[in-house]
Amino acid sequence: MPAIYRKIKLANTRLDSVMRSDINLHNRDDLEQFVMAYIFFAGIFEGCWFYNGFSPIFALQRRGLMKGTGEQLQYIMRDEVMHCAFGIRVVNQIVKEENLTLDPKAIQAMFEEADAAEQMYADYILQDPILGYSAEEHKEQFRFIANRRAKQLKLTVPFANAKSTLPWLDEQANMRKEKNFFETRVTEYQTGSSLNW
């Protein structure tokens, strides 16, 4: 699927540079490349793409559909939010300790290419709205979350005036469940033999 492959290719391109065995974080250029890759991974890959990517299922869950799948994704989302927060703290600490000045044009270009990939992805997965959840809402929410991540990274927001189109999305990430996931019973689904086809 070209829309999915585009995101994978972009991620590989952004992260391949720091997968080298000879990377030297005492070298200023390598360190800046590492920080840019970490901004992409924590701020965009996990912080925007994953965060926004679960929203179609959460939109269904809010309507009482796919509740079990939605709950499973809430656990994953909770982990991704923690990974994102950790990565952003690491980036901010490196920038502070090493007194790095990152190229604002390179940062903007990174957010814009991630946005272009998300636009194509949204058009693919949401060719028709899903019970009131549309591609346009998905795209605008991505930009809103991208601005949030940029602020957390102490960077200029890439998409001025982006608005939250899914104000309920944060509720999904802030799940407060203390049960043991692996010991709960499945109660949300009918067995195949009892479904009314």
N, C-alpha and C. Protein backbone atom coordinates (compact mmCIF):
# COMPACT_ATOMS: atom_id res chain seq x y z
N MET A 1 0.84 -1.18 0.00
CA MET A 1 0.00 0.00 0.00
C MET A 1 0.89 1.25 0.00
N PRO A 2 0.86 2.03 -1.06
CA PRO A 2 1.76 3.19 -1.17
C PRO A 2 1.66 4.16 0.02
N ALA A 3 0.46 4.36 0.55
CA ALA A 3 0.30 5.31 1.66
C ALA A 3 1.01 4.83 2.92
N ILE A 4 1.03 3.52 3.12
CA ILE A 4 1.72 2.97 4.29
C ILE A 4 3.22 2.88 4.01
N TYR A 5 3.57 2.45 2.78
CA TYR A 5 4.98 2.34 2.42
C TYR A 5 5.68 3.70 2.52
N ARG A 6 4.97 4.76 2.17
CA ARG A 6 5.58 6.09 2.23
C ARG A 6 6.02 6.43 3.66
N LYS A 7 5.20 6.08 4.62
CA LYS A 7 5.56 6.36 6.01
C LYS A 7 6.74 5.49 6.45
N ILE A 8 6.72 4.23 6.04
CA ILE A 8 7.83 3.33 6.39
C ILE A 8 9.13 3.83 5.77
N LYS A 9 9.07 4.20 4.50
CA LYS A 9 10.28 4.68 3.81
C LYS A 9 10.81 5.95 4.47
N LEU A 10 9.92 6.85 4.82
CA LEU A 10 10.33 8.09 5.49
C LEU A 10 10.98 7.78 6.83
N ALA A 11 10.37 6.89 7.59
CA ALA A 11 10.95 6.51 8.90
C ALA A 11 12.33 5.90 8.72
N ASN A 12 12.46 4.99 7.74
CA ASN A 12 13.76 4.36 7.51
C ASN A 12 14.82 5.39 7.12
N THR A 13 14.44 6.33 6.26
CA THR A 13 15.37 7.37 5.83
C THR A 13 15.81 8.23 7.01
N ARG A 14 14.86 8.61 7.84
CA ARG A 14 15.16 9.47 8.99
C ARG A 14 15.98 8.74 10.06
N LEU A 15 15.79 7.45 10.20
CA LEU A 15 16.44 6.72 11.30
C LEU A 15 17.69 5.97 10.86
N ASP A 16 17.84 5.68 9.57
CA ASP A 16 19.01 4.93 9.10
C ASP A 16 20.32 5.64 9.44
N SER A 17 20.30 6.96 9.41
CA SER A 17 21.53 7.72 9.64
C SER A 17 22.13 7.47 11.02
N VAL A 18 21.30 7.10 11.99
CA VAL A 18 21.82 6.87 13.35
C VAL A 18 21.96 5.39 13.66
N MET A 19 21.72 4.55 12.69
CA MET A 19 21.90 3.11 12.89
C MET A 19 23.30 2.66 12.47
N ARG A 20 24.12 3.62 12.08
CA ARG A 20 25.49 3.29 11.68
C ARG A 20 26.30 2.82 12.88
N SER A 21 27.14 1.84 12.67
CA SER A 21 27.97 1.34 13.77
C SER A 21 29.10 2.31 14.11
N ASP A 22 29.40 3.23 13.20
CA ASP A 22 30.53 4.15 13.44
C ASP A 22 30.07 5.53 13.92
N ILE A 23 28.81 5.66 14.30
CA ILE A 23 28.34 6.97 14.77
C ILE A 23 29.14 7.38 16.01
N ASN A 24 29.52 8.64 16.04
CA ASN A 24 30.36 9.16 17.12
C ASN A 24 29.66 10.37 17.73
N LEU A 25 29.08 10.19 18.89
CA LEU A 25 28.32 11.27 19.51
C LEU A 25 29.20 12.37 20.09
N HIS A 26 30.52 12.18 20.03
CA HIS A 26 31.44 13.27 20.40
C HIS A 26 31.70 14.19 19.21
N ASN A 27 31.31 13.73 18.03
CA ASN A 27 31.41 14.53 16.82
C ASN A 27 30.13 15.37 16.71
N ARG A 28 30.28 16.67 16.56
CA ARG A 28 29.13 17.58 16.58
C ARG A 28 28.10 17.26 15.49
N ASP A 29 28.58 16.95 14.29
CA ASP A 29 27.66 16.64 13.19
C ASP A 29 26.87 15.37 13.47
N ASP A 30 27.57 14.34 13.97
CA ASP A 30 26.88 13.09 14.30
C ASP A 30 25.88 13.30 15.43
N LEU A 31 26.25 14.12 16.40
CA LEU A 31 25.35 14.38 17.53
C LEU A 31 24.08 15.09 17.05
N GLU A 32 24.24 16.08 16.18
CA GLU A 32 23.07 16.79 15.66
C GLU A 32 22.19 15.85 14.83
N GLN A 33 22.82 14.98 14.05
CA GLN A 33 22.07 14.00 13.26
C GLN A 33 21.30 13.05 14.18
N PHE A 34 21.94 12.65 15.28
CA PHE A 34 21.29 11.79 16.26
C PHE A 34 20.08 12.49 16.88
N VAL A 35 20.24 13.74 17.26
CA VAL A 35 19.15 14.49 17.89
C VAL A 35 18.00 14.68 16.89
N MET A 36 18.31 14.99 15.65
CA MET A 36 17.25 15.14 14.64
C MET A 36 16.48 13.82 14.45
N ALA A 37 17.22 12.71 14.44
CA ALA A 37 16.57 11.41 14.30
C ALA A 37 15.71 11.11 15.52
N TYR A 38 16.20 11.49 16.70
CA TYR A 38 15.44 11.23 17.93
C TYR A 38 14.19 12.12 17.98
N ILE A 39 14.31 13.35 17.49
CA ILE A 39 13.12 14.21 17.41
C ILE A 39 12.08 13.56 16.50
N PHE A 40 12.55 13.03 15.37
CA PHE A 40 11.62 12.36 14.46
C PHE A 40 10.98 11.16 15.15
N PHE A 41 11.79 10.33 15.79
CA PHE A 41 11.26 9.10 16.38
C PHE A 41 10.31 9.40 17.54
N ALA A 42 10.75 10.20 18.49
CA ALA A 42 9.92 10.46 19.67
C ALA A 42 8.79 11.44 19.36
N GLY A 43 9.11 12.51 18.66
CA GLY A 43 8.13 13.57 18.45
C GLY A 43 7.13 13.29 17.34
N ILE A 44 7.59 12.66 16.26
CA ILE A 44 6.71 12.44 15.11
C ILE A 44 6.23 10.99 15.02
N PHE A 45 7.17 10.05 14.98
CA PHE A 45 6.79 8.65 14.79
C PHE A 45 5.88 8.17 15.92
N GLU A 46 6.38 8.29 17.15
CA GLU A 46 5.56 7.85 18.29
C GLU A 46 4.61 8.94 18.76
N GLY A 47 5.08 10.18 18.75
CA GLY A 47 4.29 11.27 19.31
C GLY A 47 3.15 11.76 18.46
N CYS A 48 3.25 11.59 17.14
CA CYS A 48 2.18 12.06 16.24
C CYS A 48 1.55 10.91 15.46
N TRP A 49 2.37 10.17 14.72
CA TRP A 49 1.81 9.11 13.88
C TRP A 49 1.09 8.06 14.71
N PHE A 50 1.74 7.55 15.76
CA PHE A 50 1.07 6.54 16.60
C PHE A 50 -0.10 7.16 17.35
N TYR A 51 0.15 8.32 17.94
CA TYR A 51 -0.88 8.97 18.76
C TYR A 51 -2.15 9.20 17.95
N ASN A 52 -1.98 9.72 16.75
CA ASN A 52 -3.12 10.02 15.88
C ASN A 52 -3.63 8.77 15.17
N GLY A 53 -2.76 7.79 15.00
CA GLY A 53 -3.10 6.63 14.20
C GLY A 53 -4.18 5.74 14.79
N PHE A 54 -4.33 5.76 16.11
CA PHE A 54 -5.34 4.91 16.75
C PHE A 54 -6.71 5.56 16.76
N SER A 55 -6.79 6.83 16.40
CA SER A 55 -8.04 7.56 16.58
C SER A 55 -9.23 7.00 15.80
N PRO A 56 -9.08 6.41 14.60
CA PRO A 56 -10.28 5.84 13.96
C PRO A 56 -10.93 4.73 14.80
N ILE A 57 -10.11 3.89 15.41
CA ILE A 57 -10.68 2.83 16.26
C ILE A 57 -11.29 3.45 17.53
N PHE A 58 -10.62 4.45 18.09
CA PHE A 58 -11.18 5.10 19.28
C PHE A 58 -12.50 5.79 18.97
N ALA A 59 -12.64 6.33 17.74
CA ALA A 59 -13.90 6.95 17.34
C ALA A 59 -15.02 5.92 17.35
N LEU A 60 -14.71 4.70 16.91
CA LEU A 60 -15.71 3.63 16.95
C LEU A 60 -15.99 3.20 18.38
N GLN A 61 -14.92 3.09 19.19
CA GLN A 61 -15.08 2.67 20.59
C GLN A 61 -16.01 3.63 21.34
N ARG A 62 -15.89 4.92 21.06
CA ARG A 62 -16.73 5.91 21.72
C ARG A 62 -18.20 5.74 21.38
N ARG A 63 -18.48 5.06 20.29
CA ARG A 63 -19.87 4.80 19.86
C ARG A 63 -20.33 3.41 20.27
N GLY A 64 -19.53 2.75 21.12
CA GLY A 64 -19.90 1.44 21.62
C GLY A 64 -19.53 0.30 20.68
N LEU A 65 -18.69 0.58 19.68
CA LEU A 65 -18.27 -0.44 18.72
C LEU A 65 -16.79 -0.78 18.95
N MET A 66 -16.41 -1.99 18.64
CA MET A 66 -15.01 -2.44 18.76
C MET A 66 -14.43 -2.09 20.13
N LYS A 67 -15.21 -2.31 21.17
CA LYS A 67 -14.78 -1.93 22.52
C LYS A 67 -13.53 -2.68 22.97
N GLY A 68 -13.49 -3.98 22.69
CA GLY A 68 -12.33 -4.77 23.11
C GLY A 68 -11.06 -4.34 22.40
N THR A 69 -11.16 -4.16 21.08
CA THR A 69 -10.00 -3.68 20.32
C THR A 69 -9.59 -2.30 20.78
N GLY A 70 -10.57 -1.44 21.01
CA GLY A 70 -10.28 -0.10 21.49
C GLY A 70 -9.55 -0.12 22.82
N GLU A 71 -9.98 -1.00 23.72
CA GLU A 71 -9.31 -1.08 25.02
C GLU A 71 -7.88 -1.57 24.88
N GLN A 72 -7.66 -2.55 24.01
CA GLN A 72 -6.29 -3.02 23.78
C GLN A 72 -5.41 -1.89 23.24
N LEU A 73 -5.96 -1.10 22.31
CA LEU A 73 -5.19 0.02 21.77
C LEU A 73 -4.95 1.10 22.81
N GLN A 74 -5.84 1.22 23.79
CA GLN A 74 -5.60 2.18 24.87
C GLN A 74 -4.34 1.81 25.66
N TYR A 75 -4.15 0.52 25.90
CA TYR A 75 -2.93 0.10 26.60
C TYR A 75 -1.69 0.42 25.76
N ILE A 76 -1.77 0.16 24.47
CA ILE A 76 -0.64 0.47 23.58
C ILE A 76 -0.41 1.97 23.55
N MET A 77 -1.49 2.74 23.45
CA MET A 77 -1.39 4.19 23.40
C MET A 77 -0.73 4.74 24.67
N ARG A 78 -1.10 4.19 25.80
CA ARG A 78 -0.51 4.63 27.07
C ARG A 78 1.01 4.43 27.04
N ASP A 79 1.46 3.29 26.51
CA ASP A 79 2.90 3.03 26.40
C ASP A 79 3.56 3.99 25.42
N GLU A 80 2.92 4.23 24.29
CA GLU A 80 3.51 5.12 23.29
C GLU A 80 3.65 6.54 23.84
N VAL A 81 2.69 6.98 24.62
CA VAL A 81 2.77 8.32 25.22
C VAL A 81 3.96 8.40 26.17
N MET A 82 4.19 7.32 26.93
CA MET A 82 5.36 7.31 27.83
C MET A 82 6.66 7.30 27.04
N HIS A 83 6.72 6.52 25.95
CA HIS A 83 7.92 6.50 25.11
C HIS A 83 8.18 7.89 24.54
N CYS A 84 7.14 8.52 24.05
CA CYS A 84 7.25 9.86 23.48
C CYS A 84 7.76 10.85 24.53
N ALA A 85 7.17 10.83 25.71
CA ALA A 85 7.56 11.76 26.77
C ALA A 85 9.03 11.54 27.17
N PHE A 86 9.44 10.28 27.26
CA PHE A 86 10.83 9.97 27.59
C PHE A 86 11.77 10.51 26.50
N GLY A 87 11.44 10.24 25.24
CA GLY A 87 12.28 10.70 24.14
C GLY A 87 12.41 12.20 24.09
N ILE A 88 11.31 12.90 24.31
CA ILE A 88 11.34 14.36 24.31
C ILE A 88 12.22 14.89 25.44
N ARG A 89 12.14 14.24 26.60
CA ARG A 89 13.01 14.67 27.72
C ARG A 89 14.48 14.44 27.39
N VAL A 90 14.79 13.31 26.74
CA VAL A 90 16.17 13.03 26.36
C VAL A 90 16.67 14.08 25.37
N VAL A 91 15.87 14.36 24.34
CA VAL A 91 16.27 15.37 23.35
C VAL A 91 16.50 16.72 24.03
N ASN A 92 15.57 17.15 24.85
CA ASN A 92 15.71 18.45 25.51
C ASN A 92 16.96 18.50 26.39
N GLN A 93 17.27 17.40 27.05
CA GLN A 93 18.45 17.36 27.91
C GLN A 93 19.74 17.42 27.09
N ILE A 94 19.78 16.68 25.99
CA ILE A 94 20.98 16.72 25.13
C ILE A 94 21.18 18.12 24.57
N VAL A 95 20.10 18.72 24.06
CA VAL A 95 20.20 20.07 23.49
C VAL A 95 20.72 21.04 24.54
N LYS A 96 20.22 20.91 25.77
CA LYS A 96 20.66 21.80 26.86
C LYS A 96 22.12 21.55 27.24
N GLU A 97 22.47 20.30 27.48
CA GLU A 97 23.83 19.98 27.94
C GLU A 97 24.88 20.28 26.88
N GLU A 98 24.54 20.01 25.63
CA GLU A 98 25.51 20.19 24.55
C GLU A 98 25.39 21.54 23.86
N ASN A 99 24.47 22.37 24.34
CA ASN A 99 24.25 23.71 23.78
C ASN A 99 24.08 23.65 22.26
N LEU A 100 23.20 22.76 21.83
CA LEU A 100 22.95 22.57 20.40
C LEU A 100 21.98 23.62 19.88
N THR A 101 22.23 24.09 18.69
CA THR A 101 21.28 24.94 17.97
C THR A 101 20.89 24.20 16.71
N LEU A 102 19.65 23.76 16.66
CA LEU A 102 19.17 22.99 15.53
C LEU A 102 18.65 23.91 14.43
N ASP A 103 18.80 23.48 13.20
CA ASP A 103 18.38 24.27 12.05
C ASP A 103 16.85 24.30 11.97
N PRO A 104 16.24 25.48 12.17
CA PRO A 104 14.77 25.56 12.15
C PRO A 104 14.16 25.16 10.81
N LYS A 105 14.88 25.40 9.70
CA LYS A 105 14.37 25.00 8.38
C LYS A 105 14.35 23.48 8.25
N ALA A 106 15.36 22.82 8.79
CA ALA A 106 15.41 21.36 8.74
C ALA A 106 14.30 20.76 9.60
N ILE A 107 14.05 21.39 10.75
CA ILE A 107 12.96 20.92 11.63
C ILE A 107 11.62 21.07 10.92
N GLN A 108 11.39 22.24 10.32
CA GLN A 108 10.14 22.50 9.60
C GLN A 108 9.95 21.51 8.45
N ALA A 109 11.03 21.27 7.72
CA ALA A 109 10.96 20.32 6.60
C ALA A 109 10.61 18.92 7.08
N MET A 110 11.14 18.53 8.23
CA MET A 110 10.85 17.21 8.79
C MET A 110 9.37 17.09 9.14
N PHE A 111 8.82 18.10 9.79
CA PHE A 111 7.39 18.08 10.14
C PHE A 111 6.53 18.10 8.87
N GLU A 112 6.93 18.87 7.88
CA GLU A 112 6.13 18.97 6.66
C GLU A 112 6.12 17.66 5.88
N GLU A 113 7.27 16.97 5.82
CA GLU A 113 7.27 15.70 5.09
C GLU A 113 6.48 14.63 5.85
N ALA A 114 6.51 14.69 7.18
CA ALA A 114 5.70 13.77 7.98
C ALA A 114 4.21 14.07 7.79
N ASP A 115 3.89 15.35 7.70
CA ASP A 115 2.50 15.75 7.47
C ASP A 115 2.02 15.29 6.09
N ALA A 116 2.85 15.44 5.08
CA ALA A 116 2.47 15.00 3.73
C ALA A 116 2.19 13.50 3.71
N ALA A 117 3.02 12.74 4.42
CA ALA A 117 2.80 11.29 4.50
C ALA A 117 1.50 10.97 5.24
N GLU A 118 1.22 11.74 6.30
CA GLU A 118 -0.01 11.52 7.06
C GLU A 118 -1.24 11.90 6.24
N GLN A 119 -1.13 12.94 5.44
CA GLN A 119 -2.25 13.35 4.57
C GLN A 119 -2.60 12.21 3.61
N MET A 120 -1.58 11.63 2.98
CA MET A 120 -1.81 10.53 2.04
C MET A 120 -2.41 9.33 2.75
N TYR A 121 -1.90 9.05 3.94
CA TYR A 121 -2.40 7.93 4.75
C TYR A 121 -3.87 8.14 5.12
N ALA A 122 -4.21 9.35 5.55
CA ALA A 122 -5.59 9.66 5.94
C ALA A 122 -6.54 9.52 4.74
N ASP A 123 -6.09 9.98 3.58
CA ASP A 123 -6.93 9.84 2.39
C ASP A 123 -7.14 8.38 2.02
N TYR A 124 -6.15 7.54 2.32
CA TYR A 124 -6.27 6.11 2.01
C TYR A 124 -7.20 5.40 3.00
N ILE A 125 -6.97 5.59 4.31
CA ILE A 125 -7.76 4.82 5.29
C ILE A 125 -9.16 5.38 5.50
N LEU A 126 -9.35 6.65 5.17
CA LEU A 126 -10.64 7.29 5.40
C LEU A 126 -11.22 7.81 4.09
N GLN A 127 -11.22 6.97 3.07
CA GLN A 127 -11.78 7.39 1.78
C GLN A 127 -13.23 7.81 1.94
N ASP A 128 -13.92 7.15 2.85
CA ASP A 128 -15.27 7.55 3.25
C ASP A 128 -15.23 7.76 4.75
N PRO A 129 -15.96 8.74 5.27
CA PRO A 129 -15.97 8.94 6.72
C PRO A 129 -16.46 7.69 7.45
N ILE A 130 -15.92 7.47 8.65
CA ILE A 130 -16.34 6.34 9.49
C ILE A 130 -17.21 6.91 10.60
N LEU A 131 -18.51 6.78 10.47
CA LEU A 131 -19.45 7.25 11.49
C LEU A 131 -19.11 8.65 11.99
N GLY A 132 -18.91 9.55 11.05
CA GLY A 132 -18.66 10.93 11.42
C GLY A 132 -17.21 11.29 11.61
N TYR A 133 -16.30 10.34 11.47
CA TYR A 133 -14.87 10.62 11.60
C TYR A 133 -14.29 10.68 10.19
N SER A 134 -13.74 11.84 9.82
CA SER A 134 -13.33 12.05 8.43
C SER A 134 -11.82 12.21 8.29
N ALA A 135 -11.37 12.10 7.04
CA ALA A 135 -9.95 12.30 6.72
C ALA A 135 -9.52 13.72 7.10
N GLU A 136 -10.39 14.69 6.87
CA GLU A 136 -10.04 16.08 7.18
C GLU A 136 -9.81 16.28 8.68
N GLU A 137 -10.66 15.66 9.50
CA GLU A 137 -10.47 15.74 10.95
C GLU A 137 -9.16 15.08 11.36
N HIS A 138 -8.86 13.94 10.75
CA HIS A 138 -7.63 13.21 11.05
C HIS A 138 -6.40 14.07 10.72
N LYS A 139 -6.42 14.70 9.55
CA LYS A 139 -5.29 15.52 9.10
C LYS A 139 -5.08 16.73 10.02
N GLU A 140 -6.16 17.39 10.36
CA GLU A 140 -6.04 18.57 11.22
C GLU A 140 -5.58 18.18 12.62
N GLN A 141 -6.05 17.04 13.11
CA GLN A 141 -5.62 16.58 14.44
C GLN A 141 -4.13 16.27 14.43
N PHE A 142 -3.63 15.68 13.34
CA PHE A 142 -2.19 15.42 13.24
C PHE A 142 -1.42 16.73 13.41
N ARG A 143 -1.84 17.78 12.71
CA ARG A 143 -1.14 19.06 12.79
C ARG A 143 -1.21 19.65 14.20
N PHE A 144 -2.36 19.52 14.84
CA PHE A 144 -2.51 20.00 16.21
C PHE A 144 -1.54 19.28 17.15
N ILE A 145 -1.47 17.95 17.02
CA ILE A 145 -0.57 17.16 17.87
C ILE A 145 0.88 17.48 17.53
N ALA A 146 1.20 17.68 16.25
CA ALA A 146 2.56 18.05 15.85
C ALA A 146 2.98 19.36 16.53
N ASN A 147 2.06 20.33 16.59
CA ASN A 147 2.36 21.58 17.28
C ASN A 147 2.62 21.34 18.77
N ARG A 148 1.85 20.45 19.36
CA ARG A 148 2.04 20.13 20.78
C ARG A 148 3.43 19.54 21.01
N ARG A 149 3.80 18.59 20.16
CA ARG A 149 5.12 17.96 20.29
C ARG A 149 6.23 18.98 20.09
N ALA A 150 6.07 19.88 19.12
CA ALA A 150 7.08 20.91 18.87
C ALA A 150 7.24 21.81 20.10
N LYS A 151 6.14 22.19 20.73
CA LYS A 151 6.22 23.01 21.95
C LYS A 151 6.95 22.26 23.06
N GLN A 152 6.65 20.96 23.21
CA GLN A 152 7.32 20.16 24.23
C GLN A 152 8.82 20.06 23.96
N LEU A 153 9.19 20.11 22.68
CA LEU A 153 10.60 20.06 22.28
C LEU A 153 11.23 21.45 22.25
N LYS A 154 10.45 22.45 22.66
CA LYS A 154 10.92 23.85 22.68
C LYS A 154 11.29 24.34 21.28
N LEU A 155 10.49 23.93 20.30
CA LEU A 155 10.69 24.32 18.91
C LEU A 155 9.52 25.19 18.45
N THR A 156 9.70 25.88 17.36
CA THR A 156 8.62 26.67 16.76
C THR A 156 7.55 25.71 16.24
N VAL A 157 6.29 26.06 16.46
CA VAL A 157 5.22 25.17 15.99
C VAL A 157 5.23 25.15 14.46
N PRO A 158 5.11 23.97 13.86
CA PRO A 158 5.19 23.87 12.40
C PRO A 158 3.91 24.24 11.66
N PHE A 159 2.76 24.18 12.35
CA PHE A 159 1.48 24.39 11.67
C PHE A 159 0.66 25.42 12.44
N ALA A 160 0.92 26.68 12.15
CA ALA A 160 0.24 27.76 12.86
C ALA A 160 -1.27 27.63 12.72
N ASN A 161 -1.96 27.88 13.81
CA ASN A 161 -3.43 27.89 13.86
C ASN A 161 -4.10 26.53 13.70
N ALA A 162 -3.35 25.44 13.80
CA ALA A 162 -3.99 24.11 13.76
C ALA A 162 -4.87 23.95 14.99
N LYS A 163 -6.03 23.37 14.78
CA LYS A 163 -7.02 23.19 15.86
C LYS A 163 -7.24 21.72 16.16
N SER A 164 -7.59 21.43 17.39
CA SER A 164 -7.94 20.07 17.76
C SER A 164 -9.32 19.74 17.23
N THR A 165 -9.38 18.72 16.39
CA THR A 165 -10.68 18.28 15.85
C THR A 165 -11.22 17.10 16.64
N LEU A 166 -10.38 16.52 17.50
CA LEU A 166 -10.77 15.35 18.30
C LEU A 166 -10.48 15.64 19.78
N PRO A 167 -11.25 16.52 20.41
CA PRO A 167 -10.95 16.89 21.79
C PRO A 167 -11.00 15.71 22.77
N TRP A 168 -11.65 14.64 22.37
CA TRP A 168 -11.77 13.46 23.22
C TRP A 168 -10.55 12.54 23.14
N LEU A 169 -9.63 12.80 22.19
CA LEU A 169 -8.53 11.87 21.97
C LEU A 169 -7.61 11.75 23.18
N ASP A 170 -7.37 12.85 23.87
CA ASP A 170 -6.49 12.80 25.06
C ASP A 170 -7.05 11.88 26.14
N GLU A 171 -8.37 11.79 26.23
CA GLU A 171 -8.98 10.89 27.22
C GLU A 171 -8.52 9.45 26.99
N GLN A 172 -8.36 9.08 25.73
CA GLN A 172 -7.96 7.72 25.40
C GLN A 172 -6.54 7.42 25.89
N ALA A 173 -5.67 8.42 25.81
CA ALA A 173 -4.28 8.23 26.23
C ALA A 173 -4.13 8.25 27.74
N ASN A 174 -5.06 8.89 28.43
CA ASN A 174 -4.96 9.03 29.88
C ASN A 174 -5.77 7.98 30.61
N MET A 175 -5.75 6.78 30.09
CA MET A 175 -6.51 5.67 30.66
C MET A 175 -6.01 5.36 32.07
N ARG A 176 -6.91 5.20 33.00
CA ARG A 176 -6.56 4.89 34.39
C ARG A 176 -7.15 3.53 34.72
N LYS A 177 -6.49 2.47 34.29
CA LYS A 177 -6.97 1.13 34.58
C LYS A 177 -5.88 0.37 35.31
N GLU A 178 -6.26 -0.22 36.40
CA GLU A 178 -5.29 -0.91 37.24
C GLU A 178 -5.45 -2.43 37.21
N LYS A 179 -6.30 -2.94 36.32
CA LYS A 179 -6.51 -4.39 36.28
C LYS A 179 -5.35 -5.06 35.55
N ASN A 180 -5.21 -6.35 35.81
CA ASN A 180 -4.21 -7.13 35.11
C ASN A 180 -4.81 -7.51 33.76
N PHE A 181 -4.29 -6.92 32.69
CA PHE A 181 -4.82 -7.12 31.35
C PHE A 181 -4.92 -8.59 30.96
N PHE A 182 -3.92 -9.39 31.37
CA PHE A 182 -3.86 -10.78 30.94
C PHE A 182 -4.79 -11.69 31.74
N GLU A 183 -5.37 -11.19 32.81
CA GLU A 183 -6.26 -12.02 33.63
C GLU A 183 -7.73 -11.64 33.49
N THR A 184 -8.01 -10.67 32.61
CA THR A 184 -9.41 -10.27 32.45
C THR A 184 -10.11 -11.21 31.48
N ARG A 185 -11.44 -11.26 31.60
CA ARG A 185 -12.23 -12.13 30.74
C ARG A 185 -12.77 -11.33 29.56
N VAL A 186 -12.89 -11.99 28.44
CA VAL A 186 -13.48 -11.36 27.27
C VAL A 186 -15.00 -11.43 27.42
N THR A 187 -15.61 -10.26 27.50
CA THR A 187 -17.07 -10.23 27.66
C THR A 187 -17.73 -9.39 26.56
N GLU A 188 -16.95 -8.77 25.70
CA GLU A 188 -17.51 -7.83 24.74
C GLU A 188 -17.97 -8.48 23.44
N TYR A 189 -17.61 -9.74 23.21
CA TYR A 189 -17.88 -10.34 21.92
C TYR A 189 -18.81 -11.54 22.04
N GLN A 190 -19.61 -11.76 21.00
CA GLN A 190 -20.40 -12.97 20.88
C GLN A 190 -19.53 -14.03 20.24
N THR A 191 -19.83 -15.27 20.51
CA THR A 191 -19.11 -16.33 19.80
C THR A 191 -19.63 -16.39 18.37
N GLY A 192 -18.80 -16.91 17.47
CA GLY A 192 -19.16 -16.96 16.07
C GLY A 192 -20.49 -17.68 15.82
N SER A 193 -20.77 -18.73 16.59
CA SER A 193 -21.98 -19.52 16.36
C SER A 193 -23.24 -18.78 16.76
N SER A 194 -23.10 -17.77 17.62
CA SER A 194 -24.30 -17.06 18.07
C SER A 194 -24.52 -15.74 17.34
N LEU A 195 -23.61 -15.39 16.41
CA LEU A 195 -23.80 -14.16 15.66
C LEU A 195 -24.97 -14.30 14.71
N ASN A 196 -25.69 -13.23 14.55
CA ASN A 196 -26.79 -13.22 13.61
C ASN A 196 -26.28 -12.65 12.30
N TRP A 197 -26.03 -13.51 11.32
CA TRP A 197 -25.50 -13.06 10.02
C TRP A 197 -26.65 -12.62 9.16
